[in-house]
Amino acid sequence: MQVSDLRHMSIGKRLLAFILGTGIFACGHAAWAEALTGTKSLFLLEQDGTKHPVGDITFNTSNAKTTYEISWKDDRFSDHFLSMRPFKCLEGTTKYWCRVPYPYSIKRSVSADDLTDLEYDTMFIWKGAKEYGINMWNGVYYRFGIEGDRLVGKIHELDMDKLSAPPEDGNLRPLREQDLEEGEPESHWLPGLVIE
């Protein structure tokens, strides 16, 4: 609708147009808001769709700000001491998927168009089941998108050495677009992470 069309409408019709426009916005808002509401489960997904429940996440909205808290299911992970560091790993037959808690400050705040904190909070690193150590260039970063009432993370590869030093200038999000490479799902044991 053009601005010139509004000038020729009665006040009643203008009000109706406003209400309808607002209603459309509200419906769109409700669609993504459902994905960022309440308590949901985190599942790592195998290539064939098999789900591994690994945690729960609770979203809290206050003053138009949505924060979250993750409760990992530690009983699903085994303890490993790899490359002189402790890791909690989900064990597969050929690969282990090990959690990498983000080592620096994070706000744990999300919105429909910014899920970055959640992506930093759900990083993993994989290793071969028979390998003794861990290679930092095998980092896993799930880039999230909203699909209906759930969040779907698609695998990206990351050299974890990028996070070995504290971020400069108080930058809580030091990873750049060029630090992430879209992964090939068929070459990974757990190419997806879904929150539903």
N, C-alpha and C. Protein backbone atom coordinates (compact mmCIF):
# COMPACT_ATOMS: atom_id res chain seq x y z
N MET A 1 0.85 -1.20 0.00
CA MET A 1 0.00 0.00 0.00
C MET A 1 0.88 1.24 0.00
N GLN A 2 0.55 2.17 -0.85
CA GLN A 2 1.30 3.41 -0.99
C GLN A 2 0.81 4.44 0.03
N VAL A 3 1.69 5.36 0.40
CA VAL A 3 1.32 6.44 1.32
C VAL A 3 0.19 7.28 0.73
N SER A 4 0.23 7.49 -0.58
CA SER A 4 -0.82 8.29 -1.22
C SER A 4 -2.18 7.62 -1.07
N ASP A 5 -2.22 6.28 -1.04
CA ASP A 5 -3.48 5.57 -0.85
C ASP A 5 -4.05 5.84 0.52
N LEU A 6 -3.19 5.93 1.53
CA LEU A 6 -3.64 6.18 2.90
C LEU A 6 -4.32 7.54 3.02
N ARG A 7 -3.83 8.54 2.28
CA ARG A 7 -4.38 9.88 2.37
C ARG A 7 -5.84 9.93 1.94
N HIS A 8 -6.20 9.05 1.02
CA HIS A 8 -7.56 9.05 0.48
C HIS A 8 -8.50 8.10 1.22
N MET A 9 -8.00 7.46 2.28
CA MET A 9 -8.84 6.52 3.05
C MET A 9 -9.49 7.24 4.22
N SER A 10 -10.64 6.75 4.61
CA SER A 10 -11.29 7.30 5.80
C SER A 10 -10.50 6.88 7.03
N ILE A 11 -10.77 7.57 8.14
CA ILE A 11 -10.07 7.24 9.39
C ILE A 11 -10.33 5.79 9.77
N GLY A 12 -11.56 5.34 9.59
CA GLY A 12 -11.90 3.94 9.92
C GLY A 12 -11.09 2.96 9.10
N LYS A 13 -10.97 3.22 7.81
CA LYS A 13 -10.21 2.32 6.95
C LYS A 13 -8.73 2.36 7.30
N ARG A 14 -8.23 3.56 7.65
CA ARG A 14 -6.83 3.65 8.08
C ARG A 14 -6.59 2.83 9.33
N LEU A 15 -7.53 2.91 10.29
CA LEU A 15 -7.41 2.15 11.52
C LEU A 15 -7.42 0.66 11.23
N LEU A 16 -8.33 0.23 10.35
CA LEU A 16 -8.41 -1.19 9.99
C LEU A 16 -7.11 -1.65 9.35
N ALA A 17 -6.55 -0.83 8.46
CA ALA A 17 -5.29 -1.18 7.81
C ALA A 17 -4.18 -1.31 8.85
N PHE A 18 -4.17 -0.40 9.82
CA PHE A 18 -3.17 -0.46 10.88
C PHE A 18 -3.30 -1.74 11.70
N ILE A 19 -4.56 -2.08 12.08
CA ILE A 19 -4.80 -3.28 12.89
C ILE A 19 -4.38 -4.53 12.13
N LEU A 20 -4.74 -4.59 10.85
CA LEU A 20 -4.37 -5.75 10.05
C LEU A 20 -2.86 -5.85 9.91
N GLY A 21 -2.20 -4.71 9.69
CA GLY A 21 -0.75 -4.71 9.59
C GLY A 21 -0.11 -5.17 10.88
N THR A 22 -0.63 -4.69 11.99
CA THR A 22 -0.11 -5.10 13.29
C THR A 22 -0.36 -6.57 13.53
N GLY A 23 -1.53 -7.04 13.12
CA GLY A 23 -1.86 -8.46 13.29
C GLY A 23 -0.90 -9.36 12.53
N ILE A 24 -0.57 -8.93 11.32
CA ILE A 24 0.38 -9.71 10.54
C ILE A 24 1.72 -9.76 11.24
N PHE A 25 2.15 -8.61 11.76
CA PHE A 25 3.41 -8.56 12.50
C PHE A 25 3.35 -9.46 13.72
N ALA A 26 2.23 -9.42 14.45
CA ALA A 26 2.10 -10.22 15.67
C ALA A 26 2.18 -11.70 15.36
N CYS A 27 1.54 -12.12 14.24
CA CYS A 27 1.59 -13.53 13.87
C CYS A 27 3.02 -13.94 13.56
N GLY A 28 3.75 -13.07 12.81
CA GLY A 28 5.14 -13.38 12.50
C GLY A 28 5.97 -13.46 13.77
N HIS A 29 5.72 -12.53 14.69
CA HIS A 29 6.43 -12.53 15.96
C HIS A 29 6.14 -13.81 16.73
N ALA A 30 4.86 -14.21 16.77
CA ALA A 30 4.47 -15.41 17.52
C ALA A 30 5.15 -16.65 16.96
N ALA A 31 5.34 -16.69 15.64
CA ALA A 31 5.96 -17.86 15.02
C ALA A 31 7.37 -18.09 15.54
N TRP A 32 8.21 -17.04 15.62
CA TRP A 32 9.56 -17.27 16.11
C TRP A 32 9.63 -17.23 17.63
N ALA A 33 8.71 -16.50 18.27
CA ALA A 33 8.75 -16.41 19.73
C ALA A 33 8.53 -17.77 20.37
N GLU A 34 7.75 -18.62 19.74
CA GLU A 34 7.50 -19.96 20.27
C GLU A 34 8.79 -20.77 20.37
N ALA A 35 9.71 -20.53 19.46
CA ALA A 35 10.98 -21.25 19.47
C ALA A 35 11.87 -20.81 20.63
N LEU A 36 11.64 -19.61 21.15
CA LEU A 36 12.48 -19.06 22.21
C LEU A 36 11.69 -18.90 23.51
N THR A 37 10.82 -19.87 23.79
CA THR A 37 9.95 -19.79 24.96
C THR A 37 9.98 -21.11 25.73
N GLY A 38 10.02 -21.01 27.06
CA GLY A 38 9.87 -22.20 27.90
C GLY A 38 11.10 -23.08 27.95
N THR A 39 10.88 -24.32 28.37
CA THR A 39 11.97 -25.29 28.49
C THR A 39 11.89 -26.28 27.33
N LYS A 40 13.01 -26.49 26.68
CA LYS A 40 13.08 -27.39 25.53
C LYS A 40 14.26 -28.34 25.71
N SER A 41 14.31 -29.35 24.87
CA SER A 41 15.39 -30.34 24.92
C SER A 41 16.38 -30.13 23.79
N LEU A 42 17.65 -30.44 24.06
CA LEU A 42 18.71 -30.37 23.05
C LEU A 42 19.02 -31.79 22.59
N PHE A 43 19.04 -31.98 21.29
CA PHE A 43 19.37 -33.29 20.72
C PHE A 43 20.47 -33.13 19.68
N LEU A 44 21.51 -33.95 19.78
CA LEU A 44 22.47 -34.08 18.69
C LEU A 44 21.89 -35.10 17.72
N LEU A 45 22.00 -34.81 16.42
CA LEU A 45 21.39 -35.66 15.39
C LEU A 45 22.43 -36.37 14.56
N GLU A 46 22.22 -37.69 14.40
CA GLU A 46 23.05 -38.46 13.48
C GLU A 46 22.57 -38.21 12.05
N GLN A 47 23.33 -38.69 11.09
CA GLN A 47 22.98 -38.51 9.68
C GLN A 47 21.60 -39.09 9.36
N ASP A 48 21.25 -40.22 10.00
CA ASP A 48 19.97 -40.87 9.71
C ASP A 48 18.81 -40.31 10.53
N GLY A 49 19.07 -39.26 11.31
CA GLY A 49 18.01 -38.64 12.11
C GLY A 49 17.92 -39.15 13.53
N THR A 50 18.73 -40.15 13.90
CA THR A 50 18.75 -40.64 15.28
C THR A 50 19.10 -39.50 16.22
N LYS A 51 18.31 -39.37 17.29
CA LYS A 51 18.51 -38.27 18.23
C LYS A 51 19.22 -38.74 19.51
N HIS A 52 20.15 -37.94 19.96
CA HIS A 52 20.83 -38.16 21.24
C HIS A 52 20.48 -36.99 22.16
N PRO A 53 19.65 -37.24 23.20
CA PRO A 53 19.32 -36.14 24.12
C PRO A 53 20.54 -35.79 24.97
N VAL A 54 20.96 -34.53 24.91
CA VAL A 54 22.19 -34.15 25.62
C VAL A 54 21.98 -33.02 26.62
N GLY A 55 20.77 -32.43 26.66
CA GLY A 55 20.56 -31.35 27.62
C GLY A 55 19.18 -30.75 27.50
N ASP A 56 18.92 -29.81 28.39
CA ASP A 56 17.68 -29.03 28.38
C ASP A 56 18.06 -27.56 28.41
N ILE A 57 17.21 -26.75 27.82
CA ILE A 57 17.46 -25.32 27.80
C ILE A 57 16.17 -24.60 28.20
N THR A 58 16.31 -23.61 29.07
CA THR A 58 15.16 -22.83 29.52
C THR A 58 15.35 -21.39 29.07
N PHE A 59 14.34 -20.88 28.32
CA PHE A 59 14.35 -19.50 27.86
C PHE A 59 13.52 -18.65 28.81
N ASN A 60 14.02 -17.49 29.15
CA ASN A 60 13.31 -16.55 30.02
C ASN A 60 13.27 -15.19 29.32
N THR A 61 12.05 -14.63 29.22
CA THR A 61 11.90 -13.32 28.60
C THR A 61 11.48 -12.31 29.66
N SER A 62 12.24 -11.23 29.74
CA SER A 62 11.95 -10.16 30.69
C SER A 62 12.39 -8.84 30.07
N ASN A 63 11.51 -7.84 30.14
CA ASN A 63 11.82 -6.52 29.56
C ASN A 63 12.25 -6.63 28.10
N ALA A 64 11.53 -7.44 27.34
CA ALA A 64 11.78 -7.62 25.90
C ALA A 64 13.15 -8.22 25.61
N LYS A 65 13.75 -8.86 26.60
CA LYS A 65 15.06 -9.49 26.43
C LYS A 65 14.92 -10.97 26.77
N THR A 66 15.42 -11.84 25.90
CA THR A 66 15.34 -13.28 26.14
C THR A 66 16.71 -13.82 26.48
N THR A 67 16.81 -14.44 27.65
CA THR A 67 18.03 -15.09 28.07
C THR A 67 17.75 -16.59 28.17
N TYR A 68 18.80 -17.37 28.34
CA TYR A 68 18.62 -18.82 28.43
C TYR A 68 19.62 -19.42 29.41
N GLU A 69 19.31 -20.64 29.83
CA GLU A 69 20.20 -21.41 30.69
C GLU A 69 20.18 -22.85 30.22
N ILE A 70 21.35 -23.43 30.01
CA ILE A 70 21.45 -24.82 29.56
C ILE A 70 21.81 -25.72 30.73
N SER A 71 21.11 -26.84 30.83
CA SER A 71 21.42 -27.88 31.81
C SER A 71 21.81 -29.13 31.02
N TRP A 72 23.10 -29.43 30.99
CA TRP A 72 23.58 -30.58 30.22
C TRP A 72 23.27 -31.88 30.95
N LYS A 73 22.98 -32.91 30.21
CA LYS A 73 22.74 -34.25 30.77
C LYS A 73 24.11 -34.93 30.91
N ASP A 74 24.78 -34.65 32.03
CA ASP A 74 26.14 -35.15 32.21
C ASP A 74 26.22 -36.67 32.18
N ASP A 75 25.13 -37.35 32.55
CA ASP A 75 25.15 -38.80 32.55
C ASP A 75 25.23 -39.39 31.14
N ARG A 76 24.97 -38.57 30.12
CA ARG A 76 25.06 -39.02 28.73
C ARG A 76 26.50 -38.95 28.20
N PHE A 77 27.35 -38.24 28.93
CA PHE A 77 28.74 -38.03 28.51
C PHE A 77 29.69 -38.80 29.41
N SER A 78 30.80 -39.23 28.83
CA SER A 78 31.84 -39.87 29.63
C SER A 78 33.00 -38.89 29.81
N ASP A 79 33.75 -39.08 30.88
CA ASP A 79 34.88 -38.20 31.18
C ASP A 79 36.14 -38.69 30.48
N HIS A 80 36.84 -37.77 29.83
CA HIS A 80 38.10 -38.10 29.16
C HIS A 80 39.10 -37.00 29.47
N PHE A 81 40.36 -37.42 29.57
CA PHE A 81 41.44 -36.46 29.76
C PHE A 81 42.26 -36.48 28.48
N LEU A 82 42.09 -35.46 27.65
CA LEU A 82 42.66 -35.42 26.32
C LEU A 82 43.54 -34.20 26.15
N SER A 83 44.75 -34.43 25.66
CA SER A 83 45.68 -33.32 25.43
C SER A 83 45.81 -32.44 26.67
N MET A 84 45.93 -33.09 27.82
CA MET A 84 46.15 -32.43 29.10
C MET A 84 44.96 -31.61 29.58
N ARG A 85 43.75 -31.91 29.08
CA ARG A 85 42.55 -31.18 29.51
C ARG A 85 41.39 -32.16 29.69
N PRO A 86 40.51 -31.88 30.66
CA PRO A 86 39.33 -32.74 30.84
C PRO A 86 38.24 -32.39 29.83
N PHE A 87 37.59 -33.41 29.30
CA PHE A 87 36.48 -33.23 28.37
C PHE A 87 35.36 -34.19 28.75
N LYS A 88 34.13 -33.78 28.46
CA LYS A 88 32.98 -34.68 28.57
C LYS A 88 32.56 -35.00 27.15
N CYS A 89 32.55 -36.30 26.82
CA CYS A 89 32.36 -36.72 25.44
C CYS A 89 31.20 -37.70 25.29
N LEU A 90 30.47 -37.54 24.21
CA LEU A 90 29.47 -38.50 23.80
C LEU A 90 30.20 -39.50 22.91
N GLU A 91 30.14 -40.78 23.28
CA GLU A 91 30.94 -41.79 22.60
C GLU A 91 30.17 -42.48 21.49
N GLY A 92 30.71 -42.44 20.28
CA GLY A 92 30.18 -43.20 19.17
C GLY A 92 31.12 -44.35 18.85
N THR A 93 30.76 -45.18 17.91
CA THR A 93 31.61 -46.33 17.60
C THR A 93 32.93 -45.92 16.95
N THR A 94 32.91 -44.86 16.13
CA THR A 94 34.15 -44.44 15.47
C THR A 94 34.61 -43.04 15.87
N LYS A 95 33.69 -42.23 16.41
CA LYS A 95 34.05 -40.87 16.81
C LYS A 95 33.47 -40.53 18.18
N TYR A 96 34.17 -39.65 18.88
CA TYR A 96 33.66 -39.07 20.13
C TYR A 96 33.34 -37.61 19.84
N TRP A 97 32.24 -37.11 20.44
CA TRP A 97 31.82 -35.72 20.30
C TRP A 97 31.98 -35.09 21.68
N CYS A 98 32.94 -34.19 21.84
CA CYS A 98 33.30 -33.66 23.16
C CYS A 98 32.87 -32.20 23.30
N ARG A 99 32.23 -31.90 24.42
CA ARG A 99 31.77 -30.54 24.67
C ARG A 99 32.94 -29.60 24.91
N VAL A 100 32.79 -28.38 24.39
CA VAL A 100 33.80 -27.35 24.61
C VAL A 100 33.10 -26.13 25.20
N PRO A 101 33.06 -26.02 26.53
CA PRO A 101 32.43 -24.82 27.13
C PRO A 101 33.17 -23.57 26.67
N TYR A 102 32.39 -22.55 26.28
CA TYR A 102 33.02 -21.30 25.85
C TYR A 102 33.79 -20.72 27.02
N PRO A 103 35.10 -20.47 26.86
CA PRO A 103 35.95 -20.12 28.01
C PRO A 103 35.91 -18.66 28.48
N TYR A 104 35.16 -17.80 27.77
CA TYR A 104 35.15 -16.39 28.12
C TYR A 104 33.74 -15.93 28.46
N SER A 105 33.60 -14.65 28.77
CA SER A 105 32.29 -14.11 29.15
C SER A 105 31.29 -14.25 28.01
N ILE A 106 30.05 -14.52 28.39
CA ILE A 106 28.98 -14.64 27.40
C ILE A 106 27.69 -14.16 28.07
N LYS A 107 26.87 -13.44 27.34
CA LYS A 107 25.66 -12.86 27.93
C LYS A 107 24.50 -13.85 28.01
N ARG A 108 24.54 -14.88 27.16
CA ARG A 108 23.44 -15.85 27.07
C ARG A 108 22.11 -15.15 26.80
N SER A 109 22.14 -14.29 25.79
CA SER A 109 20.98 -13.53 25.36
C SER A 109 20.74 -13.81 23.88
N VAL A 110 19.48 -14.05 23.50
CA VAL A 110 19.16 -14.37 22.11
C VAL A 110 17.95 -13.60 21.64
N SER A 111 17.81 -13.55 20.32
CA SER A 111 16.62 -12.97 19.69
C SER A 111 16.42 -13.70 18.37
N ALA A 112 15.32 -13.42 17.69
CA ALA A 112 15.03 -14.12 16.44
C ALA A 112 16.12 -13.93 15.41
N ASP A 113 16.78 -12.77 15.42
CA ASP A 113 17.81 -12.53 14.41
C ASP A 113 19.23 -12.55 14.98
N ASP A 114 19.39 -13.04 16.21
CA ASP A 114 20.72 -13.15 16.79
C ASP A 114 20.77 -14.32 17.77
N LEU A 115 21.29 -15.44 17.30
CA LEU A 115 21.40 -16.66 18.11
C LEU A 115 22.86 -16.99 18.41
N THR A 116 23.72 -15.99 18.26
CA THR A 116 25.16 -16.21 18.36
C THR A 116 25.60 -16.74 19.72
N ASP A 117 25.08 -16.19 20.82
CA ASP A 117 25.49 -16.67 22.14
C ASP A 117 25.20 -18.17 22.28
N LEU A 118 24.06 -18.59 21.80
CA LEU A 118 23.68 -20.00 21.86
C LEU A 118 24.64 -20.85 21.02
N GLU A 119 25.05 -20.33 19.88
CA GLU A 119 26.01 -21.05 19.05
C GLU A 119 27.35 -21.21 19.75
N TYR A 120 27.78 -20.17 20.47
CA TYR A 120 29.03 -20.26 21.22
C TYR A 120 28.92 -21.25 22.38
N ASP A 121 27.72 -21.36 22.93
CA ASP A 121 27.50 -22.21 24.09
C ASP A 121 27.32 -23.69 23.74
N THR A 122 27.22 -24.01 22.46
CA THR A 122 26.98 -25.40 22.05
C THR A 122 28.08 -25.89 21.11
N MET A 123 29.30 -25.45 21.35
CA MET A 123 30.42 -25.90 20.53
C MET A 123 30.94 -27.25 21.02
N PHE A 124 31.42 -28.03 20.07
CA PHE A 124 31.99 -29.34 20.36
C PHE A 124 33.29 -29.49 19.60
N ILE A 125 34.00 -30.55 19.91
CA ILE A 125 35.17 -30.94 19.14
C ILE A 125 35.10 -32.45 19.00
N TRP A 126 35.44 -32.97 17.83
CA TRP A 126 35.37 -34.42 17.66
C TRP A 126 36.76 -35.03 17.59
N LYS A 127 36.81 -36.30 17.93
CA LYS A 127 38.06 -37.07 17.82
C LYS A 127 37.72 -38.48 17.41
N GLY A 128 38.66 -39.14 16.77
CA GLY A 128 38.49 -40.55 16.46
C GLY A 128 38.44 -41.35 17.74
N ALA A 129 37.61 -42.38 17.79
CA ALA A 129 37.43 -43.16 19.01
C ALA A 129 38.73 -43.79 19.50
N LYS A 130 39.64 -44.08 18.60
CA LYS A 130 40.89 -44.74 19.00
C LYS A 130 42.07 -43.77 19.10
N GLU A 131 41.82 -42.50 18.86
CA GLU A 131 42.89 -41.52 18.97
C GLU A 131 43.14 -41.16 20.42
N TYR A 132 44.40 -40.97 20.77
CA TYR A 132 44.74 -40.68 22.17
C TYR A 132 44.46 -39.22 22.52
N GLY A 133 44.90 -38.32 21.67
CA GLY A 133 44.74 -36.89 21.95
C GLY A 133 43.57 -36.30 21.20
N ILE A 134 43.58 -34.99 21.14
CA ILE A 134 42.50 -34.27 20.45
C ILE A 134 43.13 -33.20 19.56
N ASN A 135 42.59 -33.01 18.37
CA ASN A 135 43.11 -32.01 17.45
C ASN A 135 42.19 -30.80 17.46
N MET A 136 42.74 -29.65 17.79
CA MET A 136 41.93 -28.44 17.95
C MET A 136 41.28 -27.99 16.65
N TRP A 137 41.79 -28.42 15.50
CA TRP A 137 41.18 -28.00 14.25
C TRP A 137 39.91 -28.81 13.92
N ASN A 138 39.54 -29.77 14.79
CA ASN A 138 38.32 -30.55 14.59
C ASN A 138 37.14 -29.95 15.35
N GLY A 139 37.10 -28.64 15.47
CA GLY A 139 36.02 -27.97 16.18
C GLY A 139 34.70 -28.03 15.41
N VAL A 140 33.61 -28.06 16.17
CA VAL A 140 32.27 -28.12 15.60
C VAL A 140 31.46 -26.94 16.11
N TYR A 141 30.91 -26.18 15.19
CA TYR A 141 30.11 -24.99 15.50
C TYR A 141 28.77 -25.17 14.80
N TYR A 142 27.69 -25.20 15.57
CA TYR A 142 26.36 -25.34 14.98
C TYR A 142 25.75 -23.96 14.76
N ARG A 143 25.49 -23.64 13.51
CA ARG A 143 24.85 -22.36 13.19
C ARG A 143 23.34 -22.57 13.20
N PHE A 144 22.65 -21.82 14.07
CA PHE A 144 21.22 -22.03 14.29
C PHE A 144 20.34 -21.19 13.40
N GLY A 145 19.19 -21.76 13.08
CA GLY A 145 18.12 -21.06 12.41
C GLY A 145 16.81 -21.49 13.06
N ILE A 146 15.79 -20.65 12.94
CA ILE A 146 14.49 -20.97 13.52
C ILE A 146 13.63 -21.64 12.45
N GLU A 147 13.11 -22.81 12.78
CA GLU A 147 12.20 -23.53 11.89
C GLU A 147 10.94 -23.85 12.68
N GLY A 148 9.92 -23.04 12.47
CA GLY A 148 8.68 -23.21 13.23
C GLY A 148 8.91 -22.91 14.70
N ASP A 149 8.62 -23.91 15.57
CA ASP A 149 8.79 -23.70 17.01
C ASP A 149 10.06 -24.35 17.54
N ARG A 150 11.02 -24.59 16.66
CA ARG A 150 12.27 -25.20 17.11
C ARG A 150 13.47 -24.52 16.48
N LEU A 151 14.63 -24.77 17.07
CA LEU A 151 15.89 -24.24 16.56
C LEU A 151 16.67 -25.39 15.95
N VAL A 152 17.19 -25.19 14.76
CA VAL A 152 17.94 -26.24 14.08
C VAL A 152 19.35 -25.74 13.80
N GLY A 153 20.34 -26.48 14.31
CA GLY A 153 21.74 -26.12 14.12
C GLY A 153 22.38 -26.99 13.06
N LYS A 154 23.05 -26.35 12.10
CA LYS A 154 23.74 -27.07 11.02
C LYS A 154 25.24 -26.95 11.23
N ILE A 155 25.92 -28.04 11.00
CA ILE A 155 27.33 -28.13 11.34
C ILE A 155 28.22 -27.22 10.48
N HIS A 156 29.13 -26.56 11.17
CA HIS A 156 30.21 -25.81 10.55
C HIS A 156 31.50 -26.24 11.22
N GLU A 157 32.58 -26.21 10.48
CA GLU A 157 33.88 -26.63 11.02
C GLU A 157 34.65 -25.40 11.48
N LEU A 158 35.44 -25.62 12.55
CA LEU A 158 36.12 -24.49 13.20
C LEU A 158 37.44 -24.96 13.79
N ASP A 159 38.48 -24.18 13.59
CA ASP A 159 39.75 -24.43 14.26
C ASP A 159 39.66 -23.79 15.65
N MET A 160 39.60 -24.62 16.67
CA MET A 160 39.41 -24.12 18.04
C MET A 160 40.59 -23.28 18.54
N ASP A 161 41.72 -23.35 17.86
CA ASP A 161 42.85 -22.50 18.24
C ASP A 161 42.48 -21.02 18.12
N LYS A 162 41.44 -20.71 17.35
CA LYS A 162 40.99 -19.32 17.22
C LYS A 162 40.52 -18.77 18.57
N LEU A 163 40.21 -19.68 19.50
CA LEU A 163 39.70 -19.26 20.82
C LEU A 163 40.74 -19.46 21.93
N SER A 164 41.99 -19.71 21.55
CA SER A 164 43.01 -20.01 22.55
C SER A 164 43.43 -18.79 23.37
N ALA A 165 43.26 -17.61 22.83
CA ALA A 165 43.61 -16.38 23.56
C ALA A 165 42.35 -15.58 23.86
N PRO A 166 42.31 -14.91 25.01
CA PRO A 166 41.12 -14.09 25.34
C PRO A 166 40.84 -13.06 24.25
N PRO A 167 39.56 -12.82 23.98
CA PRO A 167 39.20 -11.81 22.96
C PRO A 167 39.76 -10.44 23.31
N GLU A 168 40.18 -9.72 22.28
CA GLU A 168 40.71 -8.37 22.49
C GLU A 168 39.58 -7.35 22.57
N ASP A 169 39.84 -6.25 23.26
CA ASP A 169 38.93 -5.11 23.32
C ASP A 169 37.54 -5.48 23.84
N GLY A 170 37.47 -6.50 24.69
CA GLY A 170 36.18 -6.88 25.28
C GLY A 170 35.22 -7.49 24.29
N ASN A 171 35.71 -7.93 23.13
CA ASN A 171 34.85 -8.55 22.13
C ASN A 171 34.42 -9.93 22.59
N LEU A 172 33.13 -10.09 22.91
CA LEU A 172 32.64 -11.37 23.41
C LEU A 172 32.36 -12.36 22.29
N ARG A 173 32.50 -11.93 21.05
CA ARG A 173 32.23 -12.79 19.90
C ARG A 173 33.39 -12.67 18.91
N PRO A 174 34.51 -13.30 19.23
CA PRO A 174 35.72 -13.11 18.42
C PRO A 174 35.72 -13.85 17.09
N LEU A 175 34.85 -14.84 16.91
CA LEU A 175 34.86 -15.60 15.66
C LEU A 175 34.31 -14.76 14.51
N ARG A 176 34.99 -14.84 13.38
CA ARG A 176 34.56 -14.11 12.20
C ARG A 176 33.96 -15.08 11.19
N GLU A 177 33.28 -14.54 10.23
CA GLU A 177 32.65 -15.38 9.20
C GLU A 177 33.68 -16.30 8.54
N GLN A 178 34.87 -15.78 8.28
CA GLN A 178 35.89 -16.57 7.61
C GLN A 178 36.50 -17.66 8.50
N ASP A 179 36.19 -17.63 9.81
CA ASP A 179 36.69 -18.67 10.71
C ASP A 179 35.83 -19.93 10.66
N LEU A 180 34.66 -19.83 10.05
CA LEU A 180 33.73 -20.96 10.00
C LEU A 180 33.62 -21.47 8.57
N GLU A 181 33.61 -22.77 8.45
CA GLU A 181 33.44 -23.39 7.14
C GLU A 181 32.28 -24.37 7.21
N GLU A 182 31.33 -24.22 6.31
CA GLU A 182 30.17 -25.09 6.33
C GLU A 182 30.61 -26.54 6.19
N GLY A 183 30.14 -27.39 7.11
CA GLY A 183 30.54 -28.79 7.10
C GLY A 183 29.71 -29.61 6.12
N GLU A 184 30.25 -30.75 5.73
CA GLU A 184 29.52 -31.69 4.87
C GLU A 184 28.85 -32.70 5.78
N PRO A 185 27.52 -32.66 5.90
CA PRO A 185 26.81 -33.54 6.84
C PRO A 185 27.15 -35.02 6.69
N GLU A 186 27.36 -35.46 5.45
CA GLU A 186 27.62 -36.89 5.23
C GLU A 186 28.98 -37.34 5.75
N SER A 187 29.86 -36.39 6.07
CA SER A 187 31.19 -36.76 6.56
C SER A 187 31.32 -36.66 8.08
N HIS A 188 30.19 -36.40 8.76
CA HIS A 188 30.22 -36.26 10.22
C HIS A 188 29.22 -37.18 10.89
N TRP A 189 29.57 -37.65 12.07
CA TRP A 189 28.68 -38.51 12.84
C TRP A 189 27.43 -37.75 13.30
N LEU A 190 27.63 -36.52 13.81
CA LEU A 190 26.52 -35.74 14.38
C LEU A 190 26.45 -34.38 13.69
N PRO A 191 25.92 -34.34 12.48
CA PRO A 191 25.91 -33.09 11.71
C PRO A 191 24.86 -32.07 12.12
N GLY A 192 23.99 -32.43 13.05
CA GLY A 192 22.94 -31.49 13.43
C GLY A 192 22.70 -31.43 14.92
N LEU A 193 22.16 -30.29 15.36
CA LEU A 193 21.76 -30.12 16.75
C LEU A 193 20.41 -29.42 16.71
N VAL A 194 19.40 -30.02 17.34
CA VAL A 194 18.07 -29.43 17.31
C VAL A 194 17.61 -29.15 18.73
N ILE A 195 16.90 -28.05 18.89
CA ILE A 195 16.31 -27.66 20.17
C ILE A 195 14.81 -27.60 19.95
N GLU A 196 14.08 -28.49 20.63
CA GLU A 196 12.64 -28.56 20.43
C GLU A 196 11.91 -28.96 21.70
